[in-house]
C-alpha atoms as a PDB file:
ATOM      1  CA  UNK A   1      71.836  46.740  82.922  1.00  0.00           C
ATOM      2  CA  UNK A   2      74.491  48.959  79.924  1.00  0.00           C
ATOM      3  CA  UNK A   3      73.013  52.706  78.995  1.00  0.00           C
ATOM      4  CA  UNK A   4      74.194  53.131  75.367  1.00  0.00           C
ATOM      5  CA  UNK A   5      74.898  56.148  73.685  1.00  0.00           C
ATOM      6  CA  UNK A   6      74.218  57.084  69.818  1.00  0.00           C
ATOM      7  CA  UNK A   7      75.196  60.123  68.446  1.00  0.00           C
ATOM      8  CA  UNK A   8      71.569  62.511  67.229  1.00  0.00           C
ATOM      9  CA  UNK A   9      73.018  65.687  66.350  1.00  0.00           C
ATOM     10  CA  UNK A  10      75.196  68.647  66.503  1.00  0.00           C
ATOM     11  CA  UNK A  11      72.989  71.780  67.502  1.00  0.00           C
ATOM     12  CA  UNK A  12      74.116  75.184  66.836  1.00  0.00           C
ATOM     13  CA  UNK A  13      71.641  78.092  67.903  1.00  0.00           C
ATOM     14  CA  UNK A  14      72.055  80.879  68.487  1.00  0.00           C
ATOM     15  CA  UNK A  15      70.671  82.916  71.104  1.00  0.00           C
ATOM     16  CA  UNK A  16      69.464  86.411  71.848  1.00  0.00           C
ATOM     17  CA  UNK A  17      70.062  89.065  74.545  1.00  0.00           C
ATOM     18  CA  UNK A  18      68.125  87.134  77.475  1.00  0.00           C
ATOM     19  CA  UNK A  19      65.164  88.779  79.225  1.00  0.00           C
ATOM     20  CA  UNK A  20      65.322  89.332  82.860  1.00  0.00           C
ATOM     21  CA  UNK A  21      62.158  89.246  84.695  1.00  0.00           C
ATOM     22  CA  UNK A  22      63.818  89.213  87.606  1.00  0.00           C
ATOM     23  CA  UNK A  23      62.956  87.824  91.324  1.00  0.00           C
ATOM     24  CA  UNK A  24      59.873  86.104  90.817  1.00  0.00           C
ATOM     25  CA  UNK A  25      60.240  83.820  94.028  1.00  0.00           C
ATOM     26  CA  UNK A  26      61.508  81.292  93.334  1.00  0.00           C
ATOM     27  CA  UNK A  27      64.876  82.373  92.202  1.00  0.00           C
ATOM     28  CA  UNK A  28      65.023  84.639  88.374  1.00  0.00           C
ATOM     29  CA  UNK A  29      63.437  84.193  85.252  1.00  0.00           C
ATOM     30  CA  UNK A  30      64.810  84.842  82.272  1.00  0.00           C
ATOM     31  CA  UNK A  31      63.528  84.711  78.800  1.00  0.00           C
ATOM     32  CA  UNK A  32      65.969  83.600  76.300  1.00  0.00           C
ATOM     33  CA  UNK A  33      64.608  83.790  72.709  1.00  0.00           C
ATOM     34  CA  UNK A  34      66.494  81.085  70.315  1.00  0.00           C
ATOM     35  CA  UNK A  35      66.817  83.312  66.501  1.00  0.00           C
ATOM     36  CA  UNK A  36      68.171  79.829  64.977  1.00  0.00           C
ATOM     37  CA  UNK A  37      68.998  76.619  65.009  1.00  0.00           C
ATOM     38  CA  UNK A  38      71.048  73.705  62.252  1.00  0.00           C
ATOM     39  CA  UNK A  39      71.082  70.083  63.719  1.00  0.00           C
ATOM     40  CA  UNK A  40      73.491  68.492  61.315  1.00  0.00           C
ATOM     41  CA  UNK A  41      73.755  64.687  62.454  1.00  0.00           C
ATOM     42  CA  UNK A  42      74.122  60.826  60.381  1.00  0.00           C
ATOM     43  CA  UNK A  43      70.071  60.611  61.203  1.00  0.00           C
ATOM     44  CA  UNK A  44      68.741  64.184  61.288  1.00  0.00           C
ATOM     45  CA  UNK A  45      69.984  68.145  59.577  1.00  0.00           C
ATOM     46  CA  UNK A  46      67.185  70.293  59.921  1.00  0.00           C
ATOM     47  CA  UNK A  47      66.994  73.870  61.430  1.00  0.00           C
ATOM     48  CA  UNK A  48      64.174  75.861  62.965  1.00  0.00           C
ATOM     49  CA  UNK A  49      61.718  77.427  61.959  1.00  0.00           C
ATOM     50  CA  UNK A  50      59.485  79.084  62.930  1.00  0.00           C
ATOM     51  CA  UNK A  51      59.857  82.227  65.707  1.00  0.00           C
ATOM     52  CA  UNK A  52      58.084  80.670  68.397  1.00  0.00           C
ATOM     53  CA  UNK A  53      61.422  78.934  69.737  1.00  0.00           C
ATOM     54  CA  UNK A  54      63.018  80.839  73.879  1.00  0.00           C
ATOM     55  CA  UNK A  55      64.006  79.297  76.785  1.00  0.00           C
ATOM     56  CA  UNK A  56      62.030  79.884  79.468  1.00  0.00           C
ATOM     57  CA  UNK A  57      64.409  79.377  82.447  1.00  0.00           C
ATOM     58  CA  UNK A  58      64.700  79.759  86.139  1.00  0.00           C
ATOM     59  CA  UNK A  59      67.789  81.061  87.899  1.00  0.00           C
ATOM     60  CA  UNK A  60      67.490  78.895  91.224  1.00  0.00           C
ATOM     61  CA  UNK A  61      68.692  80.577  95.036  1.00  0.00           C
ATOM     62  CA  UNK A  62      71.536  77.621  94.226  1.00  0.00           C
ATOM     63  CA  UNK A  63      72.478  78.911  90.753  1.00  0.00           C
ATOM     64  CA  UNK A  64      71.919  76.097  89.118  1.00  0.00           C
ATOM     65  CA  UNK A  65      69.293  76.851  86.220  1.00  0.00           C
ATOM     66  CA  UNK A  66      66.497  74.883  84.858  1.00  0.00           C
ATOM     67  CA  UNK A  67      65.725  74.576  81.941  1.00  0.00           C
ATOM     68  CA  UNK A  68      62.642  74.904  79.789  1.00  0.00           C
ATOM     69  CA  UNK A  69      63.020  75.131  75.508  1.00  0.00           C
ATOM     70  CA  UNK A  70      61.530  74.455  73.085  1.00  0.00           C
ATOM     71  CA  UNK A  71      61.893  74.450  69.228  1.00  0.00           C
ATOM     72  CA  UNK A  72      60.242  73.465  66.403  1.00  0.00           C
ATOM     73  CA  UNK A  73      62.548  71.839  63.236  1.00  0.00           C
ATOM     74  CA  UNK A  74      61.841  71.302  59.862  1.00  0.00           C
ATOM     75  CA  UNK A  75      64.782  68.651  58.584  1.00  0.00           C
ATOM     76  CA  UNK A  76      66.187  68.937  54.938  1.00  0.00           C
ATOM     77  CA  UNK A  77      63.805  66.934  53.220  1.00  0.00           C
ATOM     78  CA  UNK A  78      61.085  68.181  54.997  1.00  0.00           C
ATOM     79  CA  UNK A  79      58.884  67.090  57.776  1.00  0.00           C
ATOM     80  CA  UNK A  80      58.468  69.197  60.540  1.00  0.00           C
ATOM     81  CA  UNK A  81      59.332  68.275  64.447  1.00  0.00           C
ATOM     82  CA  UNK A  82      58.998  69.442  66.984  1.00  0.00           C
ATOM     83  CA  UNK A  83      61.486  69.421  70.077  1.00  0.00           C
ATOM     84  CA  UNK A  84      61.003  69.864  73.918  1.00  0.00           C
ATOM     85  CA  UNK A  85      63.321  69.220  76.365  1.00  0.00           C
ATOM     86  CA  UNK A  86      64.149  70.490  79.856  1.00  0.00           C
ATOM     87  CA  UNK A  87      67.687  70.446  81.906  1.00  0.00           C
ATOM     88  CA  UNK A  88      70.188  72.049  84.418  1.00  0.00           C
ATOM     89  CA  UNK A  89      72.861  74.261  83.563  1.00  0.00           C
ATOM     90  CA  UNK A  90      75.966  75.507  86.229  1.00  0.00           C
ATOM     91  CA  UNK A  91      77.797  78.253  85.134  1.00  0.00           C
ATOM     92  CA  UNK A  92      81.266  79.254  86.550  1.00  0.00           C
ATOM     93  CA  UNK A  93      84.408  81.807  84.769  1.00  0.00           C
ATOM     94  CA  UNK A  94      84.536  80.605  81.468  1.00  0.00           C
ATOM     95  CA  UNK A  95      81.059  80.130  81.068  1.00  0.00           C
ATOM     96  CA  UNK A  96      78.004  76.993  81.188  1.00  0.00           C
ATOM     97  CA  UNK A  97      78.048  73.733  81.000  1.00  0.00           C
ATOM     98  CA  UNK A  98      74.655  72.389  80.022  1.00  0.00           C
ATOM     99  CA  UNK A  99      72.535  69.464  81.117  1.00  0.00           C
ATOM    100  CA  UNK A 100      69.260  68.356  78.415  1.00  0.00           C
ATOM    101  CA  UNK A 101      66.833  65.488  78.183  1.00  0.00           C
ATOM    102  CA  UNK A 102      65.704  66.195  74.419  1.00  0.00           C
ATOM    103  CA  UNK A 103      62.017  65.054  72.856  1.00  0.00           C
ATOM    104  CA  UNK A 104      60.332  64.918  70.254  1.00  0.00           C
ATOM    105  CA  UNK A 105      57.434  64.876  68.716  1.00  0.00           C
ATOM    106  CA  UNK A 106      56.522  64.379  64.595  1.00  0.00           C
ATOM    107  CA  UNK A 107      53.656  63.540  62.397  1.00  0.00           C
ATOM    108  CA  UNK A 108      56.413  63.038  59.470  1.00  0.00           C
ATOM    109  CA  UNK A 109      56.894  58.705  58.821  1.00  0.00           C
ATOM    110  CA  UNK A 110      60.538  59.218  57.836  1.00  0.00           C
ATOM    111  CA  UNK A 111      60.628  60.278  61.660  1.00  0.00           C
ATOM    112  CA  UNK A 112      58.063  58.712  63.272  1.00  0.00           C
ATOM    113  CA  UNK A 113      61.685  57.231  65.315  1.00  0.00           C
ATOM    114  CA  UNK A 114      62.157  60.272  67.192  1.00  0.00           C
ATOM    115  CA  UNK A 115      58.392  59.827  68.748  1.00  0.00           C
ATOM    116  CA  UNK A 116      60.113  57.150  70.023  1.00  0.00           C
ATOM    117  CA  UNK A 117      63.546  57.869  71.667  1.00  0.00           C
ATOM    118  CA  UNK A 118      64.433  59.876  74.782  1.00  0.00           C
ATOM    119  CA  UNK A 119      67.662  61.374  74.105  1.00  0.00           C
ATOM    120  CA  UNK A 120      70.241  63.645  76.724  1.00  0.00           C
ATOM    121  CA  UNK A 121      72.707  67.068  75.259  1.00  0.00           C
ATOM    122  CA  UNK A 122      75.351  67.956  76.926  1.00  0.00           C
ATOM    123  CA  UNK A 123      75.814  72.190  75.339  1.00  0.00           C
ATOM    124  CA  UNK A 124      78.308  74.988  76.318  1.00  0.00           C
ATOM    125  CA  UNK A 125      78.149  78.801  75.946  1.00  0.00           C
ATOM    126  CA  UNK A 126      80.708  80.674  77.329  1.00  0.00           C
ATOM    127  CA  UNK A 127      80.436  84.783  78.573  1.00  0.00           C
ATOM    128  CA  UNK A 128      78.844  87.456  76.198  1.00  0.00           C
ATOM    129  CA  UNK A 129      78.183  84.070  73.347  1.00  0.00           C
ATOM    130  CA  UNK A 130      75.360  83.778  71.540  1.00  0.00           C
ATOM    131  CA  UNK A 131      75.942  80.554  70.591  1.00  0.00           C
ATOM    132  CA  UNK A 132      75.071  76.891  72.321  1.00  0.00           C
ATOM    133  CA  UNK A 133      75.730  74.178  71.269  1.00  0.00           C
ATOM    134  CA  UNK A 134      74.773  71.085  71.883  1.00  0.00           C
ATOM    135  CA  UNK A 135      75.946  66.845  71.714  1.00  0.00           C
ATOM    136  CA  UNK A 136      72.998  64.948  71.660  1.00  0.00           C
ATOM    137  CA  UNK A 137      72.811  61.429  72.009  1.00  0.00           C
ATOM    138  CA  UNK A 138      69.889  58.613  71.796  1.00  0.00           C
ATOM    139  CA  UNK A 139      69.699  56.810  75.089  1.00  0.00           C
ATOM    140  CA  UNK A 140      69.117  52.846  74.325  1.00  0.00           C
END
């Protein structure tokens, strides 16, 4: 059985300077606020609403980041969508690559299809940058 990836959106996130909690016994915990997010795709165009949006990554002793992100979006036509995702990140001299698995919740009839899908994404952020760009796909 083959996996099909259907383009969903390109998401551009502006992130704040991470707050470092330090070693919490199982790795280094950070809190990185998401200052803004824009999703642009053929089936969804949305922007982040509210300020309760962040990543709570845990950087393991192996150097692998474990992502834990939550955000609320509002589409160009007014629908509200909650998105959350976990994933992994790896860092190198040229930046970090992030692999995630977004899930969605919405009460909007026009976007109810999002409640039924699994998405995957690959993102990239360069050292010192505050902009993260994801390419997001629906898995079929």
